[in-house]
Every structure is written in C-alpha cells, then in structure tokens.
Amino acid sequence: MLYQLVAIAGALMVLSAYFSYQRGWMGREDRLYSLLNVVGAALLTWVAVADRRWGFVLLEGVWTLLSIPPLIRPPRPGPARPPPADAQS
C-alpha cells in the first residue's frame, strides 16, 4: 500500500508540472517545474527499484537526472521591472 501511495504522489507531481507547463502557468526555467519533476521522478524511481521494474527504473532515473541541472544552475535574471507609479516624483 505504501508503494502505491508513493507512486501516486510522484505521478501527480510530474503530471502537475507538465500540466502547468502546457497551460502556460509554469515555464521550463521555473525552479518549481524542475523541483516537481525531480521529486516526482525520484519517488517513481524508488518504487520501480523496489518492484524491480528495470524499464521504469531507467525511464524515471533518467528523468530525475535530467531535472537536476536546472535546479543547481544559477537563476537567469528576469526583465527589469519599472518602478511603481507612486514612486516617481
């Protein structure tokens, strides 16, 4: 039962990141997008290892590894925001 709950949690994380990306709510550069993918795929990898499902170990293990670099890369500077209207004198 524990493995099923962990697998569902991991799948929901990966799917929510993908859904948010598709809807335009998150981009590939968003740390939350990568964090959801890393944690979700790592949970799914753990379950796949426990079940000895080597194809899924490969899939989810690689997914986890590919999601790590955006988390350790320094964030890119965003566009400069103009000062608030009431701050101008």
C-alpha atoms as a PDB file:
ATOM      1  CA  MET A   1       0.000   0.000   0.000  1.00  0.00           C
ATOM      2  CA  LEU A   2       2.852   2.400   0.814  1.00  0.00           C
ATOM      3  CA  TYR A   3       4.404   1.929  -2.640  1.00  0.00           C
ATOM      4  CA  GLN A   4       1.064   2.716  -4.276  1.00  0.00           C
ATOM      5  CA  LEU A   5       0.716   5.966  -2.321  1.00  0.00           C
ATOM      6  CA  VAL A   6       4.301   6.986  -3.090  1.00  0.00           C
ATOM      7  CA  ALA A   7       3.812   6.171  -6.791  1.00  0.00           C
ATOM      8  CA  ILE A   8       0.599   8.193  -6.946  1.00  0.00           C
ATOM      9  CA  ALA A   9       2.258  11.155  -5.215  1.00  0.00           C
ATOM     10  CA  GLY A  10       5.217  11.003  -7.626  1.00  0.00           C
ATOM     11  CA  ALA A  11       2.979  10.708 -10.670  1.00  0.00           C
ATOM     12  CA  LEU A  12       0.834  13.643  -9.521  1.00  0.00           C
ATOM     13  CA  MET A  13       3.960  15.792  -9.115  1.00  0.00           C
ATOM     14  CA  VAL A  14       5.280  15.011 -12.596  1.00  0.00           C
ATOM     15  CA  LEU A  15       1.851  15.393 -14.179  1.00  0.00           C
ATOM     16  CA  SER A  16       1.122  18.663 -12.387  1.00  0.00           C
ATOM     17  CA  ALA A  17       4.416  20.108 -13.652  1.00  0.00           C
ATOM     18  CA  TYR A  18       3.604  19.012 -17.194  1.00  0.00           C
ATOM     19  CA  PHE A  19       0.003  20.273 -16.993  1.00  0.00           C
ATOM     20  CA  SER A  20       1.169  23.644 -15.633  1.00  0.00           C
ATOM     21  CA  TYR A  21       3.716  23.919 -18.422  1.00  0.00           C
ATOM     22  CA  GLN A  22       1.094  23.108 -21.056  1.00  0.00           C
ATOM     23  CA  ARG A  23      -1.298  25.723 -19.623  1.00  0.00           C
ATOM     24  CA  GLY A  24       1.439  28.370 -19.554  1.00  0.00           C
ATOM     25  CA  TRP A  25       1.367  28.656 -15.768  1.00  0.00           C
ATOM     26  CA  MET A  26       4.985  27.495 -15.475  1.00  0.00           C
ATOM     27  CA  GLY A  27       7.955  27.559 -17.787  1.00  0.00           C
ATOM     28  CA  ARG A  28      10.898  25.205 -18.181  1.00  0.00           C
ATOM     29  CA  GLU A  29      13.066  27.734 -16.362  1.00  0.00           C
ATOM     30  CA  ASP A  30      10.862  27.802 -13.260  1.00  0.00           C
ATOM     31  CA  ARG A  31      12.513  26.106 -10.318  1.00  0.00           C
ATOM     32  CA  LEU A  32       9.173  24.724  -9.150  1.00  0.00           C
ATOM     33  CA  TYR A  33       8.770  22.963 -12.503  1.00  0.00           C
ATOM     34  CA  SER A  34      12.145  21.241 -12.094  1.00  0.00           C
ATOM     35  CA  LEU A  35      11.568  20.532  -8.408  1.00  0.00           C
ATOM     36  CA  LEU A  36       8.243  18.809  -9.114  1.00  0.00           C
ATOM     37  CA  ASN A  37       9.928  16.725 -11.813  1.00  0.00           C
ATOM     38  CA  VAL A  38      12.925  15.795  -9.635  1.00  0.00           C
ATOM     39  CA  VAL A  39      10.915  14.790  -6.580  1.00  0.00           C
ATOM     40  CA  GLY A  40       8.140  13.084  -8.539  1.00  0.00           C
ATOM     41  CA  ALA A  41      10.503  11.119 -10.768  1.00  0.00           C
ATOM     42  CA  ALA A  42      12.720  10.188  -7.802  1.00  0.00           C
ATOM     43  CA  LEU A  43       9.704   8.776  -5.955  1.00  0.00           C
ATOM     44  CA  LEU A  44       8.685   6.806  -9.033  1.00  0.00           C
ATOM     45  CA  THR A  45      12.259   5.553  -9.422  1.00  0.00           C
ATOM     46  CA  TRP A  46      12.266   4.338  -5.817  1.00  0.00           C
ATOM     47  CA  VAL A  47       9.031   2.421  -6.366  1.00  0.00           C
ATOM     48  CA  ALA A  48      10.340   0.961  -9.635  1.00  0.00           C
ATOM     49  CA  VAL A  49      13.532  -0.231  -7.905  1.00  0.00           C
ATOM     50  CA  ALA A  50      11.513  -1.828  -5.115  1.00  0.00           C
ATOM     51  CA  ASP A  51       9.352  -3.634  -7.714  1.00  0.00           C
ATOM     52  CA  ARG A  52      12.380  -4.484  -9.886  1.00  0.00           C
ATOM     53  CA  ARG A  53      10.791  -2.825 -12.931  1.00  0.00           C
ATOM     54  CA  TRP A  54      14.032  -2.076 -14.760  1.00  0.00           C
ATOM     55  CA  GLY A  55      12.460  -0.280 -17.707  1.00  0.00           C
ATOM     56  CA  PHE A  56      10.769   2.135 -15.336  1.00  0.00           C
ATOM     57  CA  VAL A  57      13.955   2.473 -13.285  1.00  0.00           C
ATOM     58  CA  LEU A  58      15.706   3.584 -16.466  1.00  0.00           C
ATOM     59  CA  LEU A  59      12.912   5.947 -17.520  1.00  0.00           C
ATOM     60  CA  GLU A  60      12.349   7.601 -14.162  1.00  0.00           C
ATOM     61  CA  GLY A  61      16.022   7.562 -13.174  1.00  0.00           C
ATOM     62  CA  VAL A  62      16.995   9.436 -16.328  1.00  0.00           C
ATOM     63  CA  TRP A  63      14.017  11.797 -15.884  1.00  0.00           C
ATOM     64  CA  THR A  64      15.268  12.561 -12.371  1.00  0.00           C
ATOM     65  CA  LEU A  65      18.838  13.175 -13.553  1.00  0.00           C
ATOM     66  CA  LEU A  66      17.727  15.435 -16.399  1.00  0.00           C
ATOM     67  CA  SER A  67      15.680  17.543 -13.990  1.00  0.00           C
ATOM     68  CA  ILE A  68      18.580  18.261 -11.627  1.00  0.00           C
ATOM     69  CA  PRO A  69      20.735  20.720 -13.683  1.00  0.00           C
ATOM     70  CA  PRO A  70      18.091  23.487 -13.802  1.00  0.00           C
ATOM     71  CA  LEU A  71      17.913  23.352 -10.004  1.00  0.00           C
ATOM     72  CA  ILE A  72      21.649  23.816  -9.468  1.00  0.00           C
ATOM     73  CA  ARG A  73      22.145  26.372 -12.245  1.00  0.00           C
ATOM     74  CA  PRO A  74      22.046  29.997 -11.070  1.00  0.00           C
ATOM     75  CA  PRO A  75      18.723  31.621 -11.989  1.00  0.00           C
ATOM     76  CA  ARG A  76      18.706  33.814 -15.061  1.00  0.00           C
ATOM     77  CA  PRO A  77      17.987  37.460 -14.392  1.00  0.00           C
ATOM     78  CA  GLY A  78      14.472  38.381 -15.383  1.00  0.00           C
ATOM     79  CA  PRO A  79      13.427  41.509 -17.236  1.00  0.00           C
ATOM     80  CA  ALA A  80      13.793  44.721 -15.278  1.00  0.00           C
ATOM     81  CA  ARG A  81      10.535  45.879 -13.774  1.00  0.00           C
ATOM     82  CA  PRO A  82       9.624  49.556 -13.951  1.00  0.00           C
ATOM     83  CA  PRO A  83       9.270  51.317 -10.602  1.00  0.00           C
ATOM     84  CA  PRO A  84       5.741  51.611  -9.202  1.00  0.00           C
ATOM     85  CA  ALA A  85       3.777  54.623 -10.427  1.00  0.00           C
ATOM     86  CA  ASP A  86       3.643  56.190  -6.945  1.00  0.00           C
ATOM     87  CA  ALA A  87       7.455  56.011  -6.598  1.00  0.00           C
ATOM     88  CA  GLN A  88       8.010  58.599  -9.347  1.00  0.00           C
ATOM     89  CA  SER A  89       8.401  62.175  -8.175  1.00  0.00           C
END
